[in-house]
C-alpha cells in the first residue's frame, strides 16, 4: 500500500490525497502532485489500473516516483506496506 488516492484525466495522473502516516506521506508526496513516472515508466503511457497495480504491489517492494510539483520535477522513493 502506498497511501495514494489518484485521479486520471487526459493522460495526467494527479494525487488527490495522501493518507497520513502512509509510506508516500512519510516520503514527502503531497496532494496535487502529478505523477510523471513510476519505476522509470512514463505515467502517461500507463492506464490508471496499471498505475494502481504498481503502487499496490507486494509489501516491502520499493517504488520510485517522479513527481511534478509547481512545475518542478522531484523524485521520491519509498517501500510499500501491507494493509492491516
C-alpha atoms as a PDB file:
ATOM      1  CA  UNK A   1       0.000   0.000   0.000  1.00  0.00           C
ATOM      2  CA  UNK A   2       1.298   3.432  -0.902  1.00  0.00           C
ATOM      3  CA  UNK A   3      -1.462   5.558   0.687  1.00  0.00           C
ATOM      4  CA  UNK A   4      -2.174   7.484  -2.523  1.00  0.00           C
ATOM      5  CA  UNK A   5      -5.605   8.344  -3.937  1.00  0.00           C
ATOM      6  CA  UNK A   6      -5.469   9.194  -7.621  1.00  0.00           C
ATOM      7  CA  UNK A   7      -7.417  10.969 -10.347  1.00  0.00           C
ATOM      8  CA  UNK A   8      -6.635  10.348 -14.016  1.00  0.00           C
ATOM      9  CA  UNK A   9      -7.620  12.829 -16.736  1.00  0.00           C
ATOM     10  CA  UNK A  10      -6.152  13.442 -20.212  1.00  0.00           C
ATOM     11  CA  UNK A  11      -3.136  11.192 -19.523  1.00  0.00           C
ATOM     12  CA  UNK A  12      -2.301  13.151 -16.360  1.00  0.00           C
ATOM     13  CA  UNK A  13      -2.319  11.349 -13.025  1.00  0.00           C
ATOM     14  CA  UNK A  14      -2.956  13.674 -10.100  1.00  0.00           C
ATOM     15  CA  UNK A  15      -2.651  12.705  -6.461  1.00  0.00           C
ATOM     16  CA  UNK A  16      -5.954  13.755  -4.874  1.00  0.00           C
ATOM     17  CA  UNK A  17      -4.967  12.878  -1.319  1.00  0.00           C
ATOM     18  CA  UNK A  18      -2.292  11.053   0.630  1.00  0.00           C
ATOM     19  CA  UNK A  19      -3.091   9.004   3.736  1.00  0.00           C
ATOM     20  CA  UNK A  20      -1.355  10.445   6.783  1.00  0.00           C
ATOM     21  CA  UNK A  21       1.320   8.087   8.081  1.00  0.00           C
ATOM     22  CA  UNK A  22       1.487   6.171   4.777  1.00  0.00           C
ATOM     23  CA  UNK A  23       4.809   5.408   3.074  1.00  0.00           C
ATOM     24  CA  UNK A  24       4.117   8.066   0.427  1.00  0.00           C
ATOM     25  CA  UNK A  25       3.248  10.702   3.048  1.00  0.00           C
ATOM     26  CA  UNK A  26       6.361   9.895   5.064  1.00  0.00           C
ATOM     27  CA  UNK A  27       8.370  10.117   1.829  1.00  0.00           C
ATOM     28  CA  UNK A  28       7.134  13.643   1.073  1.00  0.00           C
ATOM     29  CA  UNK A  29       4.470  13.038  -1.587  1.00  0.00           C
ATOM     30  CA  UNK A  30       1.566  15.503  -1.312  1.00  0.00           C
ATOM     31  CA  UNK A  31      -1.922  16.109  -2.720  1.00  0.00           C
ATOM     32  CA  UNK A  32      -1.953  17.940  -6.084  1.00  0.00           C
ATOM     33  CA  UNK A  33       1.371  16.374  -7.135  1.00  0.00           C
ATOM     34  CA  UNK A  34       1.320  14.967 -10.681  1.00  0.00           C
ATOM     35  CA  UNK A  35       2.871  11.536 -11.226  1.00  0.00           C
ATOM     36  CA  UNK A  36       5.083  11.656 -14.311  1.00  0.00           C
ATOM     37  CA  UNK A  37       6.834   8.275 -13.942  1.00  0.00           C
ATOM     38  CA  UNK A  38       6.722   5.146 -11.785  1.00  0.00           C
ATOM     39  CA  UNK A  39       9.753   2.891 -11.566  1.00  0.00           C
ATOM     40  CA  UNK A  40      11.122   4.550 -14.707  1.00  0.00           C
ATOM     41  CA  UNK A  41       7.918   4.027 -16.715  1.00  0.00           C
ATOM     42  CA  UNK A  42       6.206   7.077 -18.226  1.00  0.00           C
ATOM     43  CA  UNK A  43       2.913   7.508 -16.362  1.00  0.00           C
ATOM     44  CA  UNK A  44       1.204   8.998 -19.447  1.00  0.00           C
ATOM     45  CA  UNK A  45       1.570   5.639 -21.215  1.00  0.00           C
ATOM     46  CA  UNK A  46       0.040   3.654 -18.326  1.00  0.00           C
ATOM     47  CA  UNK A  47      -3.620   3.078 -17.531  1.00  0.00           C
ATOM     48  CA  UNK A  48      -4.963   4.002 -14.101  1.00  0.00           C
ATOM     49  CA  UNK A  49      -5.233   0.283 -13.323  1.00  0.00           C
ATOM     50  CA  UNK A  50      -1.559  -0.255 -14.232  1.00  0.00           C
ATOM     51  CA  UNK A  51      -0.554   2.672 -12.034  1.00  0.00           C
ATOM     52  CA  UNK A  52      -2.599   1.367  -9.113  1.00  0.00           C
ATOM     53  CA  UNK A  53      -1.132  -2.122  -9.567  1.00  0.00           C
ATOM     54  CA  UNK A  54       2.393  -0.701  -9.396  1.00  0.00           C
ATOM     55  CA  UNK A  55       1.521   1.272  -6.253  1.00  0.00           C
ATOM     56  CA  UNK A  56      -0.289  -1.607  -4.531  1.00  0.00           C
ATOM     57  CA  UNK A  57       2.189  -4.335  -5.300  1.00  0.00           C
ATOM     58  CA  UNK A  58       3.697  -6.577  -2.629  1.00  0.00           C
ATOM     59  CA  UNK A  59       4.621  -5.143   0.762  1.00  0.00           C
ATOM     60  CA  UNK A  60       8.305  -4.354   1.009  1.00  0.00           C
ATOM     61  CA  UNK A  61       8.715  -3.554  -2.688  1.00  0.00           C
ATOM     62  CA  UNK A  62      10.294  -0.180  -3.357  1.00  0.00           C
ATOM     63  CA  UNK A  63       8.586   2.385  -5.572  1.00  0.00           C
ATOM     64  CA  UNK A  64      10.371   5.189  -7.396  1.00  0.00           C
ATOM     65  CA  UNK A  65       8.041   8.079  -8.243  1.00  0.00           C
ATOM     66  CA  UNK A  66       8.809  11.062 -10.416  1.00  0.00           C
ATOM     67  CA  UNK A  67       6.504  13.897  -9.486  1.00  0.00           C
ATOM     68  CA  UNK A  68       5.791  17.329 -10.895  1.00  0.00           C
ATOM     69  CA  UNK A  69       5.035  19.892  -8.197  1.00  0.00           C
ATOM     70  CA  UNK A  70       4.589  23.539  -9.150  1.00  0.00           C
ATOM     71  CA  UNK A  71       6.422  22.980 -12.454  1.00  0.00           C
ATOM     72  CA  UNK A  72       9.400  21.341 -10.727  1.00  0.00           C
ATOM     73  CA  UNK A  73      10.389  17.696 -11.215  1.00  0.00           C
ATOM     74  CA  UNK A  74      11.018  15.770  -7.992  1.00  0.00           C
ATOM     75  CA  UNK A  75      11.888  12.162  -7.194  1.00  0.00           C
ATOM     76  CA  UNK A  76      10.629  10.079  -4.286  1.00  0.00           C
ATOM     77  CA  UNK A  77      11.362   6.530  -3.207  1.00  0.00           C
ATOM     78  CA  UNK A  78       9.513   4.547  -0.558  1.00  0.00           C
ATOM     79  CA  UNK A  79       8.697   0.969   0.414  1.00  0.00           C
ATOM     80  CA  UNK A  80       5.132  -0.321   0.147  1.00  0.00           C
ATOM     81  CA  UNK A  81       3.468  -1.520   3.350  1.00  0.00           C
ATOM     82  CA  UNK A  82       0.924  -4.250   3.936  1.00  0.00           C
ATOM     83  CA  UNK A  83      -2.589  -3.026   4.713  1.00  0.00           C
ATOM     84  CA  UNK A  84      -3.972  -4.097   8.072  1.00  0.00           C
END
